[in-house]
Amino acid sequence: MARDPYQELGVSRTASADEIRKAFRKLAKANHPDTNPGDKEAEERFKRVSAAFDIIGDAEKKKKFDAGEIDADGRETFRGFGGGQGPWGSRPAGNYDTGGFGRGGGYRESFEGVDLGDILGEMFGGGGAAGRGGGGGRGGGFGPFSQRGSDVRAKLEIDIEDSIRGAKKRIAFSDGRTIDVTIPKGAQEGQTLRLKGQGAPGRAGPGDAFIELVIAPHPIYRREGEVLVMDVPVTVYDAVLGGKVEAPTPDGPVTLTIPKGANTGAKLRLKGRGLSDTGGRRGDLFARLVVTLPDTPGPELEDFAEEWKKKRPYQPRRRV
């Protein structure tokens, strides 16, 4: 069984979703196999923190884990049928049929009119014994355990560049498996990828894996609706006289032409350099100019500013 996911991520049980997410990102970045090639210990650590985040990074799974309904591996916990207890609570007196074999010769127990054989048949995919082969069938009359494996769900954080161009990312599941996930071009925040047959194993075949994509915050670009925006520092002399500056884009650096009299807040449009939609069509990237003084203005600039202040005072325009 996996370790307690809270201990694995180094957070308390009262940690917020944001605290859990930050702890996972820090540990995943430090132990990712791509940044620790050949380091088996780091790879195992990456698998464990990914598995832990798969449990408590998902609100529904966290709720179930905290309530004891699933274990640290994400498996459901059952108390069994002993002592008159089961998933349906206490066995009511006087309503327990020990009359041997019911419909079609199948063994029956009745809980206030509920056929246990049918319920177990539905649980395990065998359809119950009653009317389906009788007591002579496999599984003590409950039918074969032919249930398909359960689906698994996980979140995968990707960069803005990955969402635009597509990429391959590795993800670890709580059972220790790691697989490569193909990120399609134009991947969207919250988009869920289905990996057929990558879920939990079962008699009737494995379930599927569902991977929800989360686009990580970027140090340069930020999303504003359907477009990307970035801040571009501009010198005072380029802002006054006009000039050219180099600026980054997801596709590589480009040269921007700064118009004369440019001011902080002015935006230059870079067509087709922004986010991709699901059809692969690119949106726009806007460069927001930020007029920036040098770290040490120096006496010449100070003298110029003093003279300008006397001859041409002005009030800065307010920008909302």
Protein backbone atom coordinates (compact mmCIF):
# COMPACT_ATOMS: atom_id res chain seq x y z
CA MET A 1 0.00 0.00 0.00
CA ALA A 2 1.16 3.54 -0.72
CA ARG A 3 2.13 5.89 2.06
CA ASP A 4 -0.32 8.39 3.48
CA PRO A 5 -0.64 11.00 0.68
CA TYR A 6 -0.55 13.90 3.13
CA GLN A 7 2.78 12.66 4.51
CA GLU A 8 4.08 12.03 0.98
CA LEU A 9 3.44 15.66 -0.01
CA GLY A 10 4.47 17.02 3.38
CA VAL A 11 1.19 18.82 4.07
CA SER A 12 -1.29 18.70 6.95
CA ARG A 13 -4.77 17.22 6.66
CA THR A 14 -6.17 20.74 6.95
CA ALA A 15 -4.10 22.01 4.00
CA SER A 16 -6.01 23.96 1.36
CA ALA A 17 -6.25 22.82 -2.26
CA ASP A 18 -3.79 25.56 -3.21
CA GLU A 19 -1.27 24.43 -0.55
CA ILE A 20 -1.55 20.82 -1.75
CA ARG A 21 -1.06 21.90 -5.35
CA LYS A 22 2.01 24.03 -4.52
CA ALA A 23 3.60 21.19 -2.53
CA PHE A 24 3.06 18.76 -5.40
CA ARG A 25 4.48 21.13 -8.03
CA LYS A 26 7.60 21.71 -5.96
CA LEU A 27 8.25 18.01 -5.36
CA ALA A 28 7.34 16.93 -8.90
CA LYS A 29 9.68 19.51 -10.39
CA ALA A 30 12.55 18.46 -8.12
CA ASN A 31 12.12 14.72 -8.79
CA HIS A 32 10.92 14.57 -12.40
CA PRO A 33 12.74 11.86 -14.42
CA ASP A 34 13.47 14.33 -17.21
CA THR A 35 15.52 16.49 -14.82
CA ASN A 36 17.08 13.50 -13.04
CA PRO A 37 18.04 11.11 -15.87
CA GLY A 38 19.14 7.72 -14.58
CA ASP A 39 18.26 8.54 -10.96
CA LYS A 40 15.97 5.65 -9.94
CA GLU A 41 15.46 7.06 -6.46
CA ALA A 42 14.18 10.37 -7.85
CA GLU A 43 11.94 8.51 -10.32
CA GLU A 44 10.39 6.48 -7.50
CA ARG A 45 9.89 9.64 -5.47
CA PHE A 46 8.22 11.26 -8.49
CA LYS A 47 5.86 8.29 -8.80
CA ARG A 48 4.94 8.49 -5.11
CA VAL A 49 4.21 12.23 -5.05
CA SER A 50 2.22 11.91 -8.29
CA ALA A 51 0.19 9.09 -6.78
CA ALA A 52 -0.37 11.12 -3.60
CA PHE A 53 -1.56 14.13 -5.61
CA ASP A 54 -3.85 11.85 -7.61
CA ILE A 55 -5.67 11.15 -4.34
CA ILE A 56 -5.74 14.43 -2.39
CA GLY A 57 -5.34 16.76 -5.37
CA ASP A 58 -8.78 15.64 -6.56
CA ALA A 59 -11.60 17.06 -4.41
CA GLU A 60 -13.84 13.99 -4.75
CA LYS A 61 -11.06 11.46 -4.05
CA LYS A 62 -9.80 13.56 -1.13
CA LYS A 63 -13.26 13.55 0.38
CA LYS A 64 -13.49 9.76 0.03
CA PHE A 65 -9.98 9.23 1.42
CA ASP A 66 -10.65 11.46 4.42
CA ALA A 67 -13.86 9.52 5.06
CA GLY A 68 -12.01 6.18 4.84
CA GLU A 69 -13.93 5.11 1.74
CA ILE A 70 -10.74 4.60 -0.31
CA ASP A 71 -7.17 3.79 0.66
CA ALA A 72 -3.93 5.52 -0.30
CA ASP A 73 -3.89 3.56 -3.58
CA GLY A 74 -7.37 4.80 -4.49
CA ARG A 75 -8.98 1.40 -3.91
CA GLU A 76 -12.38 1.23 -2.28
CA THR A 77 -12.43 -0.17 1.24
CA PHE A 78 -15.04 -2.74 2.26
CA ARG A 79 -15.87 -4.21 5.67
CA GLY A 80 -17.06 -7.47 4.17
CA PHE A 81 -20.20 -9.45 5.01
CA GLY A 82 -19.20 -11.02 8.34
CA GLY A 83 -21.04 -10.49 11.60
CA GLY A 84 -24.27 -9.60 9.87
CA GLN A 85 -22.77 -6.39 8.49
CA GLY A 86 -22.25 -5.38 4.86
CA PRO A 87 -22.50 -2.44 2.55
CA TRP A 88 -26.23 -2.19 3.40
CA GLY A 89 -25.84 -2.03 7.20
CA SER A 90 -27.28 -4.47 9.77
CA ARG A 91 -29.17 -7.53 8.65
CA PRO A 92 -32.87 -7.12 9.61
CA ALA A 93 -34.33 -9.96 11.66
CA GLY A 94 -37.01 -12.21 10.24
CA ASN A 95 -36.28 -11.36 6.63
CA TYR A 96 -33.41 -13.72 5.90
CA ASP A 97 -34.34 -16.44 3.41
CA THR A 98 -32.47 -19.70 4.03
CA GLY A 99 -34.83 -21.65 1.89
CA GLY A 100 -32.06 -23.14 -0.20
CA PHE A 101 -32.42 -22.10 -3.81
CA GLY A 102 -34.69 -19.47 -5.31
CA ARG A 103 -35.46 -18.67 -8.89
CA GLY A 104 -33.67 -21.02 -11.26
CA GLY A 105 -32.02 -22.81 -8.31
CA GLY A 106 -29.86 -19.83 -7.31
CA TYR A 107 -28.95 -19.09 -3.68
CA ARG A 108 -30.83 -16.10 -2.27
CA GLU A 109 -30.66 -13.81 0.70
CA SER A 110 -33.31 -11.12 1.16
CA PHE A 111 -32.79 -7.76 2.87
CA GLU A 112 -36.23 -6.14 3.15
CA GLY A 113 -37.14 -7.47 -0.26
CA VAL A 114 -33.73 -6.79 -1.88
CA ASP A 115 -32.24 -9.81 -3.66
CA LEU A 116 -28.60 -10.06 -2.61
CA GLY A 117 -27.82 -12.41 -5.47
CA ASP A 118 -29.00 -9.87 -8.03
CA ILE A 119 -27.12 -7.04 -6.34
CA LEU A 120 -23.86 -8.96 -6.27
CA GLY A 121 -24.43 -9.94 -9.87
CA GLU A 122 -24.71 -6.27 -10.79
CA MET A 123 -21.63 -5.40 -8.73
CA PHE A 124 -19.43 -8.01 -10.37
CA GLY A 125 -20.96 -7.97 -13.84
CA GLY A 126 -22.26 -11.55 -13.63
CA GLY A 127 -25.94 -10.65 -13.48
CA GLY A 128 -26.61 -12.79 -10.37
CA ALA A 129 -27.46 -16.45 -10.20
CA ALA A 130 -31.20 -16.23 -10.28
CA GLY A 131 -32.45 -17.18 -13.71
CA ARG A 132 -28.85 -17.16 -15.03
CA GLY A 133 -27.52 -20.66 -14.66
CA GLY A 134 -28.52 -21.47 -11.09
CA GLY A 135 -26.43 -22.84 -8.28
CA GLY A 136 -24.24 -24.81 -10.62
CA GLY A 137 -22.53 -21.69 -12.02
CA ARG A 138 -19.08 -20.46 -11.01
CA GLY A 139 -18.67 -18.15 -8.05
CA GLY A 140 -21.07 -19.94 -5.72
CA GLY A 141 -24.10 -19.09 -7.82
CA PHE A 142 -23.31 -15.38 -8.19
CA GLY A 143 -21.94 -15.76 -11.71
CA PRO A 144 -18.42 -15.16 -12.98
CA PHE A 145 -16.57 -12.08 -11.73
CA SER A 146 -16.32 -10.52 -15.17
CA GLN A 147 -16.29 -6.89 -14.09
CA ARG A 148 -14.31 -4.45 -16.22
CA GLY A 149 -11.52 -2.65 -14.38
CA SER A 150 -12.34 0.74 -12.89
CA ASP A 151 -11.41 3.99 -14.58
CA VAL A 152 -8.69 6.17 -13.06
CA ARG A 153 -8.47 9.94 -13.12
CA ALA A 154 -5.52 12.31 -12.76
CA LYS A 155 -4.51 15.91 -13.44
CA LEU A 156 -1.54 16.85 -15.59
CA GLU A 157 0.04 20.30 -15.57
CA ILE A 158 1.40 21.56 -18.88
CA ASP A 159 3.06 24.77 -20.10
CA ILE A 160 1.42 27.29 -22.42
CA GLU A 161 3.92 26.31 -25.13
CA ASP A 162 2.85 22.65 -24.78
CA SER A 163 -0.81 23.62 -25.20
CA ILE A 164 0.03 25.52 -28.40
CA ARG A 165 2.42 23.11 -30.12
CA GLY A 166 1.49 19.79 -28.51
CA ALA A 167 3.94 17.66 -26.56
CA LYS A 168 4.56 14.36 -24.78
CA LYS A 169 4.45 14.30 -20.99
CA ARG A 170 5.02 11.52 -18.50
CA ILE A 171 2.53 10.87 -15.72
CA ALA A 172 2.62 8.43 -12.80
CA PHE A 173 -0.40 6.59 -11.38
CA SER A 174 -0.99 5.42 -7.83
CA ASP A 175 -0.22 1.81 -8.77
CA GLY A 176 3.35 2.79 -9.75
CA ARG A 177 2.83 2.77 -13.53
CA THR A 178 4.20 5.64 -15.61
CA ILE A 179 2.96 6.33 -19.12
CA ASP A 180 3.62 8.98 -21.75
CA VAL A 181 0.66 11.21 -22.57
CA THR A 182 0.38 12.89 -25.98
CA ILE A 183 -0.78 16.50 -25.58
CA PRO A 184 -2.63 17.56 -28.74
CA LYS A 185 -2.06 20.90 -30.44
CA GLY A 186 -4.51 23.49 -29.15
CA ALA A 187 -5.02 21.73 -25.81
CA GLN A 188 -7.35 23.71 -23.55
CA GLU A 189 -7.49 24.36 -19.80
CA GLY A 190 -9.69 21.68 -18.21
CA GLN A 191 -9.67 19.46 -21.31
CA THR A 192 -9.82 15.75 -20.45
CA LEU A 193 -7.89 13.16 -22.45
CA ARG A 194 -9.09 9.56 -22.48
CA LEU A 195 -6.41 6.86 -22.53
CA LYS A 196 -8.23 3.68 -23.44
CA GLY A 197 -7.20 0.57 -21.53
CA GLN A 198 -4.86 2.44 -19.14
CA GLY A 199 -7.11 2.15 -16.09
CA ALA A 200 -7.24 -0.48 -13.35
CA PRO A 201 -7.13 -4.14 -14.48
CA GLY A 202 -10.24 -6.32 -14.39
CA ARG A 203 -11.45 -9.74 -15.47
CA ALA A 204 -13.22 -8.22 -18.48
CA GLY A 205 -10.28 -5.99 -19.33
CA PRO A 206 -8.80 -2.80 -17.92
CA GLY A 207 -10.69 0.45 -17.47
CA ASP A 208 -9.67 3.75 -19.00
CA ALA A 209 -7.55 6.63 -17.71
CA PHE A 210 -8.93 10.16 -17.87
CA ILE A 211 -6.31 12.93 -17.73
CA GLU A 212 -7.46 16.48 -17.02
CA LEU A 213 -5.10 19.15 -18.39
CA VAL A 214 -4.15 22.17 -16.29
CA ILE A 215 -2.17 25.00 -17.92
CA ALA A 216 0.46 26.28 -15.49
CA PRO A 217 1.06 29.99 -14.86
CA HIS A 218 3.80 31.36 -17.12
CA PRO A 219 6.60 33.76 -16.08
CA ILE A 220 6.18 35.87 -19.25
CA TYR A 221 2.73 35.34 -20.76
CA ARG A 222 -0.66 35.63 -19.14
CA ARG A 223 -4.05 34.69 -20.49
CA GLU A 224 -6.68 37.40 -20.82
CA GLY A 225 -9.78 35.79 -22.27
CA GLU A 226 -8.88 34.29 -25.64
CA VAL A 227 -5.58 36.15 -26.08
CA LEU A 228 -2.09 36.12 -24.61
CA VAL A 229 -0.58 39.27 -23.13
CA MET A 230 3.01 40.02 -22.09
CA ASP A 231 4.80 43.06 -20.69
CA VAL A 232 7.71 44.44 -22.74
CA PRO A 233 10.09 46.93 -21.05
CA VAL A 234 10.95 49.97 -23.19
CA THR A 235 13.65 52.57 -22.57
CA VAL A 236 12.75 56.23 -22.16
CA TYR A 237 14.59 57.22 -25.35
CA ASP A 238 12.85 54.50 -27.42
CA ALA A 239 9.51 55.61 -26.00
CA VAL A 240 10.21 59.25 -26.94
CA LEU A 241 12.05 58.82 -30.23
CA GLY A 242 10.73 55.46 -31.39
CA GLY A 243 12.94 52.44 -31.89
CA LYS A 244 13.14 48.67 -32.14
CA VAL A 245 13.26 46.11 -29.31
CA GLU A 246 13.47 42.33 -29.23
CA ALA A 247 10.59 40.52 -27.53
CA PRO A 248 9.94 36.83 -26.79
CA THR A 249 7.04 34.82 -28.24
CA PRO A 250 6.09 31.14 -27.88
CA ASP A 251 7.62 30.65 -31.35
CA GLY A 252 10.88 32.47 -30.66
CA PRO A 253 12.02 36.11 -30.40
CA VAL A 254 10.71 38.83 -32.74
CA THR A 255 11.62 42.50 -33.29
CA LEU A 256 8.99 45.05 -32.30
CA THR A 257 8.82 48.57 -33.74
CA ILE A 258 8.11 51.10 -30.99
CA PRO A 259 6.26 54.17 -32.29
CA LYS A 260 7.33 57.69 -31.27
CA GLY A 261 5.70 58.92 -28.09
CA ALA A 262 4.81 55.43 -26.90
CA ASN A 263 3.64 55.21 -23.31
CA THR A 264 3.21 52.56 -20.66
CA GLY A 265 0.04 50.57 -21.33
CA ALA A 266 0.14 50.87 -25.11
CA LYS A 267 -0.30 47.45 -26.79
CA LEU A 268 1.25 46.13 -29.97
CA ARG A 269 -0.52 43.21 -31.66
CA LEU A 270 1.44 40.18 -32.80
CA LYS A 271 -1.01 38.36 -35.05
CA GLY A 272 -1.07 34.56 -34.88
CA ARG A 273 1.46 34.34 -32.05
CA GLY A 274 -0.99 33.52 -29.27
CA LEU A 275 -2.95 30.48 -28.09
CA SER A 276 -4.24 27.74 -30.38
CA ASP A 277 -7.85 26.65 -30.45
CA THR A 278 -8.90 23.01 -30.74
CA GLY A 279 -8.74 23.31 -34.53
CA GLY A 280 -5.11 24.45 -34.40
CA ARG A 281 -5.86 28.06 -35.37
CA ARG A 282 -3.63 30.58 -33.58
CA GLY A 283 -4.92 33.60 -31.72
CA ASP A 284 -3.00 36.82 -31.12
CA LEU A 285 -0.31 37.89 -28.65
CA PHE A 286 -0.35 41.47 -27.35
CA ALA A 287 2.83 43.19 -26.17
CA ARG A 288 2.03 45.74 -23.45
CA LEU A 289 4.73 48.42 -23.34
CA VAL A 290 6.21 49.41 -20.00
CA VAL A 291 8.40 52.54 -20.14
CA THR A 292 11.29 51.88 -17.77
CA LEU A 293 13.96 54.14 -16.30
CA PRO A 294 17.55 52.88 -15.93
CA ASP A 295 18.52 51.45 -12.55
CA THR A 296 20.74 54.51 -11.95
CA PRO A 297 19.41 57.52 -13.89
CA GLY A 298 22.66 59.51 -13.57
CA PRO A 299 23.18 63.29 -13.35
CA GLU A 300 22.59 63.97 -17.06
CA LEU A 301 19.09 62.51 -17.00
CA GLU A 302 18.34 64.22 -13.71
CA ASP A 303 19.46 67.62 -15.10
CA PHE A 304 17.40 67.07 -18.25
CA ALA A 305 14.35 66.13 -16.20
CA GLU A 306 14.76 69.18 -13.98
CA GLU A 307 14.97 71.49 -17.00
CA TRP A 308 12.02 69.79 -18.68
CA LYS A 309 9.98 70.09 -15.52
CA LYS A 310 10.51 73.87 -15.54
CA LYS A 311 9.80 74.41 -19.22
CA ARG A 312 7.19 71.76 -20.05
CA PRO A 313 5.32 70.55 -16.97
CA TYR A 314 2.53 68.02 -17.62
CA GLN A 315 0.04 65.76 -15.82
CA PRO A 316 0.28 62.02 -16.56
CA ARG A 317 -2.80 60.56 -18.19
CA ARG A 318 -4.76 58.30 -15.90
CA ARG A 319 -5.19 54.79 -17.27
CA VAL A 320 -7.87 52.51 -15.85
